[in-house]
């Protein structure tokens, strides 16, 4: 009997889009836990900086943003991270990728990431996300972010501000 992930892969390989419900906080305000994303299969050569990918990590599906690539044999591995997450993920091979997020189903309507505005929003938020990762390497704040009211917590909240602004503008520019 095929599991749901096998069915999703077949549907994506046939050119269909697949909708998945998200959980967790790793994409900050861009994609909140409980919202749905629509993914579409993407050729390896078409994956770009800022794209949001859904990929397998162990027995879980992860939805994170591409912030870099590395050569791996004849192909590439993709470096991803969640927007408010301070560290980078381990590089993922193309074989682990289910697809690229093309729409986020926000309560106020869909935000399309396959439009010019969506692509620019993705790139902008990827740069901000990398800035967060860079600051983390310079100032390893382990544990400090969990203390509301601390200066470090305030900086972390400030760095989440761009994704809130992009979401606010996008919700009003439909």
N, C-alpha and C. Protein backbone atom coordinates (compact mmCIF):
# COMPACT_ATOMS: atom_id res chain seq x y z
N UNK A 1 0.84 -1.18 0.00
CA UNK A 1 0.00 0.00 0.00
C UNK A 1 0.88 1.25 0.00
N UNK A 2 0.61 2.18 -0.86
CA UNK A 2 1.41 3.41 -0.97
C UNK A 2 1.05 4.38 0.16
N UNK A 3 2.08 5.06 0.67
CA UNK A 3 1.79 6.08 1.69
C UNK A 3 1.52 7.41 1.01
N UNK A 4 1.08 8.39 1.79
CA UNK A 4 0.67 9.68 1.21
C UNK A 4 1.82 10.39 0.50
N UNK A 5 3.05 10.19 0.98
CA UNK A 5 4.18 10.85 0.34
C UNK A 5 4.42 10.29 -1.06
N UNK A 6 4.23 8.98 -1.23
CA UNK A 6 4.36 8.37 -2.57
C UNK A 6 3.29 8.93 -3.50
N UNK A 7 2.09 9.06 -3.00
CA UNK A 7 0.99 9.62 -3.81
C UNK A 7 1.29 11.06 -4.18
N UNK A 8 1.80 11.84 -3.23
CA UNK A 8 2.15 13.23 -3.51
C UNK A 8 3.22 13.29 -4.60
N UNK A 9 4.24 12.44 -4.52
CA UNK A 9 5.30 12.44 -5.54
C UNK A 9 4.75 12.11 -6.92
N UNK A 10 3.84 11.15 -7.00
CA UNK A 10 3.24 10.77 -8.29
C UNK A 10 2.43 11.95 -8.84
N UNK A 11 1.62 12.57 -7.99
CA UNK A 11 0.82 13.72 -8.44
C UNK A 11 1.72 14.85 -8.94
N UNK A 12 2.79 15.13 -8.21
CA UNK A 12 3.71 16.20 -8.62
C UNK A 12 4.42 15.84 -9.92
N UNK A 13 4.83 14.59 -10.05
CA UNK A 13 5.52 14.15 -11.28
C UNK A 13 4.61 14.27 -12.50
N UNK A 14 3.31 14.15 -12.28
CA UNK A 14 2.35 14.28 -13.39
C UNK A 14 2.00 15.73 -13.69
N UNK A 15 2.64 16.67 -13.00
CA UNK A 15 2.40 18.09 -13.27
C UNK A 15 1.31 18.72 -12.43
N UNK A 16 0.78 17.99 -11.47
CA UNK A 16 -0.26 18.53 -10.59
C UNK A 16 0.35 19.34 -9.45
N UNK A 17 -0.47 20.18 -8.87
CA UNK A 17 -0.08 20.88 -7.65
C UNK A 17 -0.64 20.12 -6.47
N UNK A 18 0.06 20.18 -5.34
CA UNK A 18 -0.35 19.49 -4.12
C UNK A 18 -0.42 20.51 -3.00
N UNK A 19 -1.52 20.45 -2.21
CA UNK A 19 -1.67 21.37 -1.08
C UNK A 19 -1.35 20.62 0.21
N UNK A 20 -0.54 21.25 1.05
CA UNK A 20 -0.15 20.68 2.34
C UNK A 20 -0.43 21.69 3.45
N UNK A 21 -0.84 21.21 4.60
CA UNK A 21 -1.06 22.05 5.78
C UNK A 21 0.26 22.13 6.54
N UNK A 22 0.63 23.32 6.99
CA UNK A 22 1.90 23.49 7.70
C UNK A 22 1.69 23.40 9.21
N UNK A 23 2.79 23.19 9.89
CA UNK A 23 2.81 23.18 11.35
C UNK A 23 4.14 23.81 11.78
N UNK A 24 4.17 24.40 12.94
CA UNK A 24 5.43 24.94 13.44
C UNK A 24 5.60 26.42 13.14
N UNK A 25 6.73 26.94 13.60
CA UNK A 25 7.01 28.37 13.52
C UNK A 25 8.23 28.71 12.68
N UNK A 26 8.81 27.73 12.00
CA UNK A 26 10.10 27.95 11.36
C UNK A 26 10.08 28.88 10.16
N UNK A 27 8.91 29.25 9.65
CA UNK A 27 8.87 30.21 8.55
C UNK A 27 8.32 31.56 9.01
N UNK A 28 8.25 31.75 10.31
CA UNK A 28 7.87 33.05 10.85
C UNK A 28 6.52 33.52 10.37
N UNK A 29 6.48 34.76 9.90
CA UNK A 29 5.22 35.36 9.46
C UNK A 29 4.93 35.09 7.99
N UNK A 30 5.92 34.63 7.24
CA UNK A 30 5.69 34.34 5.82
C UNK A 30 4.70 33.18 5.68
N UNK A 31 4.90 32.14 6.47
CA UNK A 31 3.98 30.99 6.49
C UNK A 31 3.80 30.61 7.95
N UNK A 32 2.63 30.84 8.46
CA UNK A 32 2.35 30.53 9.86
C UNK A 32 1.85 29.09 10.00
N UNK A 33 2.09 28.50 11.15
CA UNK A 33 1.61 27.16 11.43
C UNK A 33 0.10 27.08 11.23
N UNK A 34 -0.36 26.03 10.56
CA UNK A 34 -1.78 25.84 10.30
C UNK A 34 -2.23 26.35 8.95
N UNK A 35 -1.41 27.19 8.30
CA UNK A 35 -1.76 27.66 6.95
C UNK A 35 -1.39 26.57 5.94
N UNK A 36 -1.99 26.64 4.79
CA UNK A 36 -1.71 25.66 3.74
C UNK A 36 -0.79 26.28 2.70
N UNK A 37 0.04 25.44 2.12
CA UNK A 37 0.89 25.84 1.00
C UNK A 37 0.57 24.94 -0.18
N UNK A 38 0.71 25.48 -1.37
CA UNK A 38 0.52 24.72 -2.60
C UNK A 38 1.90 24.58 -3.23
N UNK A 39 2.28 23.33 -3.51
CA UNK A 39 3.60 23.09 -4.09
C UNK A 39 3.47 22.50 -5.49
N UNK A 40 4.52 22.71 -6.26
CA UNK A 40 4.60 22.19 -7.62
C UNK A 40 6.02 21.64 -7.79
N UNK A 41 6.16 20.56 -8.54
CA UNK A 41 7.47 20.00 -8.82
C UNK A 41 8.33 21.06 -9.53
N UNK A 42 9.62 21.03 -9.28
CA UNK A 42 10.52 22.01 -9.88
C UNK A 42 11.79 21.30 -10.34
N UNK A 43 12.22 21.55 -11.59
CA UNK A 43 13.50 20.98 -12.03
C UNK A 43 14.65 21.58 -11.22
N UNK A 44 15.67 20.80 -11.00
CA UNK A 44 16.82 21.25 -10.20
C UNK A 44 17.39 22.56 -10.72
N UNK A 45 17.48 22.72 -12.02
CA UNK A 45 18.08 23.91 -12.61
C UNK A 45 17.25 25.19 -12.35
N UNK A 46 15.96 25.02 -12.02
CA UNK A 46 15.08 26.18 -11.82
C UNK A 46 14.95 26.62 -10.37
N UNK A 47 15.64 25.96 -9.45
CA UNK A 47 15.58 26.36 -8.04
C UNK A 47 16.48 27.57 -7.85
N UNK A 48 15.93 28.63 -7.27
CA UNK A 48 16.62 29.91 -7.13
C UNK A 48 16.73 30.34 -5.67
N UNK A 49 17.64 31.25 -5.42
CA UNK A 49 17.81 31.89 -4.12
C UNK A 49 16.47 32.51 -3.70
N UNK A 50 16.03 32.20 -2.49
CA UNK A 50 14.79 32.75 -1.98
C UNK A 50 13.59 31.83 -2.13
N UNK A 51 13.66 30.85 -3.04
CA UNK A 51 12.54 29.91 -3.21
C UNK A 51 12.27 29.19 -1.89
N UNK A 52 11.00 28.88 -1.66
CA UNK A 52 10.63 28.08 -0.50
C UNK A 52 10.38 26.67 -1.00
N UNK A 53 11.12 25.72 -0.46
CA UNK A 53 11.01 24.32 -0.88
C UNK A 53 10.36 23.48 0.21
N UNK A 54 9.68 22.43 -0.21
CA UNK A 54 9.21 21.41 0.72
C UNK A 54 10.06 20.18 0.43
N UNK A 55 10.72 19.67 1.48
CA UNK A 55 11.62 18.54 1.30
C UNK A 55 11.52 17.58 2.48
N UNK A 56 12.04 16.39 2.25
CA UNK A 56 12.03 15.36 3.29
C UNK A 56 13.30 15.45 4.12
N UNK A 57 13.10 15.41 5.43
CA UNK A 57 14.22 15.30 6.36
C UNK A 57 13.83 14.19 7.32
N UNK A 58 14.42 13.04 7.12
CA UNK A 58 14.01 11.87 7.90
C UNK A 58 12.59 11.50 7.52
N UNK A 59 11.72 11.39 8.52
CA UNK A 59 10.33 11.03 8.24
C UNK A 59 9.41 12.25 8.25
N UNK A 60 10.00 13.45 8.26
CA UNK A 60 9.19 14.68 8.27
C UNK A 60 9.34 15.45 6.97
N UNK A 61 8.31 16.25 6.67
CA UNK A 61 8.41 17.21 5.57
C UNK A 61 8.76 18.56 6.18
N UNK A 62 9.67 19.27 5.56
CA UNK A 62 10.12 20.57 6.03
C UNK A 62 9.87 21.59 4.93
N UNK A 63 9.47 22.78 5.32
CA UNK A 63 9.20 23.88 4.39
C UNK A 63 10.13 25.03 4.78
N UNK A 64 11.25 25.20 4.04
CA UNK A 64 12.23 26.24 4.34
C UNK A 64 12.68 26.94 3.07
N UNK A 65 13.34 28.07 3.26
CA UNK A 65 13.77 28.95 2.17
C UNK A 65 15.20 28.62 1.73
N UNK A 66 15.45 28.66 0.40
CA UNK A 66 16.79 28.43 -0.15
C UNK A 66 17.64 29.69 0.08
N UNK A 67 18.78 29.51 0.72
CA UNK A 67 19.69 30.64 0.95
C UNK A 67 21.07 30.38 0.34
N UNK A 68 21.26 29.23 -0.32
CA UNK A 68 22.53 28.96 -0.95
C UNK A 68 22.53 27.60 -1.62
N UNK A 69 23.59 27.34 -2.40
CA UNK A 69 23.76 26.04 -3.06
C UNK A 69 25.21 25.62 -2.93
N UNK A 70 25.43 24.33 -3.07
CA UNK A 70 26.78 23.76 -3.09
C UNK A 70 26.84 22.72 -4.19
N UNK A 71 27.97 22.65 -4.87
CA UNK A 71 28.15 21.62 -5.91
C UNK A 71 28.22 20.26 -5.24
N UNK A 72 27.58 19.29 -5.87
CA UNK A 72 27.61 17.91 -5.36
C UNK A 72 27.59 16.98 -6.56
N UNK A 73 28.74 16.44 -6.90
CA UNK A 73 28.83 15.58 -8.08
C UNK A 73 28.41 16.35 -9.31
N UNK A 74 27.46 15.80 -10.07
CA UNK A 74 26.96 16.46 -11.27
C UNK A 74 25.85 17.44 -10.96
N UNK A 75 25.35 17.44 -9.72
CA UNK A 75 24.24 18.31 -9.37
C UNK A 75 24.60 19.30 -8.27
N UNK A 76 23.57 19.73 -7.55
CA UNK A 76 23.77 20.68 -6.46
C UNK A 76 23.04 20.20 -5.21
N UNK A 77 23.53 20.67 -4.07
CA UNK A 77 22.81 20.54 -2.81
C UNK A 77 22.32 21.93 -2.48
N UNK A 78 21.23 22.00 -1.74
CA UNK A 78 20.61 23.29 -1.43
C UNK A 78 20.70 23.56 0.06
N UNK A 79 21.18 24.76 0.39
CA UNK A 79 21.26 25.20 1.78
C UNK A 79 19.98 25.97 2.07
N UNK A 80 19.26 25.58 3.10
CA UNK A 80 17.98 26.20 3.43
C UNK A 80 17.99 26.65 4.88
N UNK A 81 16.99 27.44 5.22
CA UNK A 81 16.78 27.82 6.61
C UNK A 81 15.38 28.36 6.77
N UNK A 82 14.86 28.24 7.97
CA UNK A 82 13.59 28.86 8.30
C UNK A 82 13.85 30.34 8.54
N UNK A 83 12.91 31.19 8.23
CA UNK A 83 13.15 32.64 8.31
C UNK A 83 13.62 33.12 9.67
N UNK A 84 12.92 32.83 10.79
CA UNK A 84 13.40 33.35 12.06
C UNK A 84 14.40 32.44 12.76
N UNK A 85 14.73 31.30 12.14
CA UNK A 85 15.67 30.35 12.73
C UNK A 85 17.07 30.92 12.57
N UNK A 86 17.87 30.82 13.62
CA UNK A 86 19.18 31.46 13.58
C UNK A 86 20.24 30.68 12.81
N UNK A 87 20.16 29.36 12.78
CA UNK A 87 21.17 28.57 12.09
C UNK A 87 20.69 28.10 10.73
N UNK A 88 21.65 27.63 9.93
CA UNK A 88 21.35 27.07 8.61
C UNK A 88 21.08 25.58 8.73
N UNK A 89 20.24 25.05 7.84
CA UNK A 89 20.00 23.61 7.79
C UNK A 89 21.19 22.92 7.14
N UNK A 90 21.28 21.62 7.35
CA UNK A 90 22.25 20.82 6.61
C UNK A 90 21.84 20.86 5.14
N UNK A 91 22.80 20.90 4.20
CA UNK A 91 22.44 20.91 2.77
C UNK A 91 21.59 19.69 2.41
N UNK A 92 20.64 19.90 1.50
CA UNK A 92 19.76 18.81 1.08
C UNK A 92 19.98 18.50 -0.40
N UNK A 93 19.95 17.22 -0.74
CA UNK A 93 20.09 16.86 -2.16
C UNK A 93 18.77 17.08 -2.89
N UNK A 94 18.85 17.23 -4.18
CA UNK A 94 17.65 17.44 -4.99
C UNK A 94 16.65 16.29 -4.82
N UNK A 95 17.14 15.07 -4.65
CA UNK A 95 16.26 13.90 -4.53
C UNK A 95 15.31 14.01 -3.33
N UNK A 96 15.66 14.80 -2.32
CA UNK A 96 14.82 14.93 -1.12
C UNK A 96 13.70 15.97 -1.31
N UNK A 97 13.75 16.74 -2.39
CA UNK A 97 12.80 17.84 -2.59
C UNK A 97 11.52 17.33 -3.23
N UNK A 98 10.39 17.64 -2.58
CA UNK A 98 9.09 17.32 -3.16
C UNK A 98 8.69 18.39 -4.17
N UNK A 99 8.88 19.66 -3.81
CA UNK A 99 8.50 20.73 -4.72
C UNK A 99 8.76 22.10 -4.15
N UNK A 100 8.43 23.11 -4.95
CA UNK A 100 8.58 24.51 -4.58
C UNK A 100 7.20 25.07 -4.23
N UNK A 101 7.15 25.90 -3.19
CA UNK A 101 5.90 26.53 -2.80
C UNK A 101 5.57 27.61 -3.84
N UNK A 102 4.37 27.50 -4.42
CA UNK A 102 3.94 28.49 -5.42
C UNK A 102 2.82 29.38 -4.89
N UNK A 103 2.15 28.94 -3.82
CA UNK A 103 1.09 29.75 -3.20
C UNK A 103 1.04 29.45 -1.71
N UNK A 104 0.77 30.50 -0.96
CA UNK A 104 0.49 30.34 0.46
C UNK A 104 -0.96 30.76 0.66
N UNK A 105 -1.74 29.91 1.30
CA UNK A 105 -3.16 30.19 1.50
C UNK A 105 -3.33 30.90 2.84
N UNK A 106 -3.26 32.24 2.78
CA UNK A 106 -3.45 33.06 3.96
C UNK A 106 -4.94 33.21 4.23
N UNK A 107 -5.33 33.53 5.46
CA UNK A 107 -6.76 33.72 5.76
C UNK A 107 -7.43 34.76 4.85
N UNK A 108 -6.70 35.80 4.45
CA UNK A 108 -7.27 36.84 3.61
C UNK A 108 -7.24 36.52 2.13
N UNK A 109 -6.69 35.37 1.75
CA UNK A 109 -6.57 34.99 0.35
C UNK A 109 -5.20 34.42 0.05
N UNK A 110 -5.02 33.97 -1.17
CA UNK A 110 -3.75 33.37 -1.58
C UNK A 110 -2.68 34.43 -1.84
N UNK A 111 -1.44 34.12 -1.44
CA UNK A 111 -0.29 34.93 -1.84
C UNK A 111 0.51 34.08 -2.81
N UNK A 112 0.57 34.52 -4.06
CA UNK A 112 1.25 33.77 -5.11
C UNK A 112 2.74 34.09 -5.10
N UNK A 113 3.55 33.05 -5.01
CA UNK A 113 5.00 33.21 -5.02
C UNK A 113 5.58 33.03 -6.41
N UNK A 114 4.75 32.66 -7.38
CA UNK A 114 5.23 32.47 -8.75
C UNK A 114 4.97 33.71 -9.61
N UNK A 115 4.73 34.84 -8.96
CA UNK A 115 4.57 36.12 -9.66
C UNK A 115 5.83 36.95 -9.42
N UNK A 116 5.96 38.04 -10.13
CA UNK A 116 7.13 38.93 -9.95
C UNK A 116 7.20 39.43 -8.51
N UNK A 117 6.08 39.88 -7.96
CA UNK A 117 6.06 40.38 -6.58
C UNK A 117 6.42 39.27 -5.60
N UNK A 118 5.89 38.07 -5.83
CA UNK A 118 6.20 36.94 -4.95
C UNK A 118 7.67 36.57 -4.98
N UNK A 119 8.27 36.55 -6.18
CA UNK A 119 9.70 36.22 -6.31
C UNK A 119 10.57 37.27 -5.62
N UNK A 120 10.23 38.57 -5.81
CA UNK A 120 11.01 39.62 -5.15
C UNK A 120 10.85 39.58 -3.63
N UNK A 121 9.65 39.29 -3.16
CA UNK A 121 9.43 39.14 -1.72
C UNK A 121 10.29 38.00 -1.17
N UNK A 122 10.33 36.88 -1.90
CA UNK A 122 11.15 35.75 -1.47
C UNK A 122 12.62 36.11 -1.40
N UNK A 123 13.12 36.81 -2.40
CA UNK A 123 14.54 37.19 -2.40
C UNK A 123 14.86 38.15 -1.25
N UNK A 124 13.99 39.13 -1.05
CA UNK A 124 14.18 40.10 0.03
C UNK A 124 14.22 39.38 1.38
N UNK A 125 13.26 38.49 1.61
CA UNK A 125 13.21 37.79 2.89
C UNK A 125 14.38 36.82 3.05
N UNK A 126 14.90 36.28 1.95
CA UNK A 126 16.08 35.41 2.03
C UNK A 126 17.31 36.21 2.46
N UNK A 127 17.46 37.43 1.95
CA UNK A 127 18.58 38.28 2.36
C UNK A 127 18.47 38.60 3.85
N UNK A 128 17.27 38.95 4.31
CA UNK A 128 17.06 39.23 5.74
C UNK A 128 17.36 37.99 6.56
N UNK A 129 16.89 36.84 6.10
CA UNK A 129 17.11 35.59 6.81
C UNK A 129 18.59 35.26 6.91
N UNK A 130 19.34 35.50 5.84
CA UNK A 130 20.79 35.30 5.88
C UNK A 130 21.47 36.27 6.84
N UNK A 131 20.94 37.49 6.92
CA UNK A 131 21.47 38.45 7.88
C UNK A 131 21.32 37.94 9.30
N UNK A 132 20.19 37.32 9.59
CA UNK A 132 19.96 36.73 10.90
C UNK A 132 20.99 35.64 11.17
N UNK A 133 21.21 34.77 10.17
CA UNK A 133 22.18 33.68 10.32
C UNK A 133 23.59 34.23 10.52
N UNK A 134 23.94 35.31 9.79
CA UNK A 134 25.25 35.92 9.94
C UNK A 134 25.45 36.50 11.32
N UNK A 135 24.44 37.17 11.83
CA UNK A 135 24.54 37.71 13.19
C UNK A 135 24.69 36.59 14.21
N UNK A 136 24.02 35.48 13.97
CA UNK A 136 24.10 34.35 14.89
C UNK A 136 25.52 33.79 14.95
N UNK A 137 26.19 33.76 13.79
CA UNK A 137 27.57 33.26 13.77
C UNK A 137 28.51 34.19 14.53
N UNK A 138 28.25 35.49 14.46
CA UNK A 138 29.10 36.46 15.15
C UNK A 138 28.75 36.50 16.65
N UNK A 139 27.46 36.46 16.95
CA UNK A 139 26.99 36.54 18.34
C UNK A 139 26.13 35.31 18.64
N UNK A 140 26.74 34.20 19.04
CA UNK A 140 25.94 33.00 19.32
C UNK A 140 25.09 33.18 20.58
N UNK A 141 23.82 33.45 20.37
CA UNK A 141 22.90 33.82 21.46
C UNK A 141 22.14 32.64 22.02
N UNK A 142 22.73 31.49 22.10
CA UNK A 142 22.00 30.30 22.53
C UNK A 142 21.30 30.53 23.86
N UNK A 143 20.01 30.26 23.88
CA UNK A 143 19.23 30.38 25.10
C UNK A 143 18.72 31.77 25.40
N UNK A 144 19.43 32.81 24.94
CA UNK A 144 19.03 34.18 25.26
C UNK A 144 17.71 34.57 24.61
N UNK A 145 17.41 33.97 23.46
CA UNK A 145 16.19 34.34 22.75
C UNK A 145 14.92 33.89 23.47
N UNK A 146 15.09 32.96 24.37
CA UNK A 146 13.92 32.44 25.08
C UNK A 146 13.53 33.31 26.26
N UNK A 147 14.27 34.36 26.50
CA UNK A 147 13.99 35.23 27.64
C UNK A 147 13.33 36.52 27.16
N UNK A 148 11.98 36.53 27.10
CA UNK A 148 11.30 37.77 26.69
C UNK A 148 11.72 38.93 27.59
N UNK A 149 11.90 40.08 26.95
CA UNK A 149 12.33 41.26 27.69
C UNK A 149 13.82 41.49 27.61
N UNK A 150 14.59 40.47 27.19
CA UNK A 150 16.03 40.67 27.06
C UNK A 150 16.32 41.45 25.79
N UNK A 151 17.46 42.11 25.74
CA UNK A 151 17.85 42.87 24.56
C UNK A 151 17.98 41.99 23.34
N UNK A 152 18.49 40.78 23.52
CA UNK A 152 18.66 39.84 22.42
C UNK A 152 17.30 39.45 21.86
N UNK A 153 16.33 39.22 22.74
CA UNK A 153 14.98 38.86 22.30
C UNK A 153 14.37 40.01 21.48
N UNK A 154 14.63 41.23 21.90
CA UNK A 154 14.13 42.40 21.17
C UNK A 154 14.75 42.46 19.77
N UNK A 155 16.04 42.18 19.65
CA UNK A 155 16.71 42.18 18.34
C UNK A 155 16.10 41.09 17.45
N UNK A 156 15.87 39.92 18.02
CA UNK A 156 15.29 38.82 17.26
C UNK A 156 13.91 39.20 16.74
N UNK A 157 13.09 39.83 17.56
CA UNK A 157 11.75 40.27 17.13
C UNK A 157 11.86 41.32 16.03
N UNK A 158 12.85 42.21 16.14
CA UNK A 158 13.05 43.23 15.12
C UNK A 158 13.42 42.59 13.78
N UNK A 159 14.23 41.54 13.82
CA UNK A 159 14.62 40.86 12.59
C UNK A 159 13.46 40.12 11.95
N UNK A 160 12.42 39.80 12.71
CA UNK A 160 11.21 39.18 12.15
C UNK A 160 10.30 40.23 11.51
N UNK A 161 10.58 41.50 11.74
CA UNK A 161 9.73 42.58 11.25
C UNK A 161 9.57 42.60 9.73
N UNK A 162 10.65 42.39 8.92
CA UNK A 162 10.47 42.44 7.45
C UNK A 162 9.43 41.46 6.93
N UNK A 163 9.38 40.23 7.47
CA UNK A 163 8.38 39.28 6.96
C UNK A 163 6.97 39.73 7.35
N UNK A 164 6.82 40.40 8.49
CA UNK A 164 5.51 40.95 8.86
C UNK A 164 5.10 42.04 7.88
N UNK A 165 6.06 42.89 7.52
CA UNK A 165 5.76 43.99 6.59
C UNK A 165 5.38 43.45 5.22
N UNK A 166 6.16 42.47 4.70
CA UNK A 166 5.86 41.88 3.40
C UNK A 166 4.47 41.26 3.43
N UNK A 167 4.15 40.57 4.49
CA UNK A 167 2.82 39.96 4.59
C UNK A 167 1.73 41.03 4.63
N UNK A 168 1.93 42.07 5.42
CA UNK A 168 0.94 43.14 5.55
C UNK A 168 0.70 43.81 4.19
N UNK A 169 1.77 44.16 3.49
CA UNK A 169 1.65 44.80 2.18
C UNK A 169 0.96 43.86 1.19
N UNK A 170 1.37 42.60 1.17
CA UNK A 170 0.80 41.64 0.23
C UNK A 170 -0.68 41.41 0.47
N UNK A 171 -1.09 41.39 1.72
CA UNK A 171 -2.51 41.20 2.04
C UNK A 171 -3.36 42.37 1.57
N UNK A 172 -2.77 43.55 1.46
CA UNK A 172 -3.52 44.73 1.06
C UNK A 172 -3.40 45.08 -0.41
N UNK A 173 -2.50 44.42 -1.11
CA UNK A 173 -2.26 44.72 -2.54
C UNK A 173 -2.80 43.61 -3.43
N UNK A 174 -3.95 43.11 -3.14
CA UNK A 174 -4.54 42.06 -3.99
C UNK A 174 -5.41 42.66 -5.04
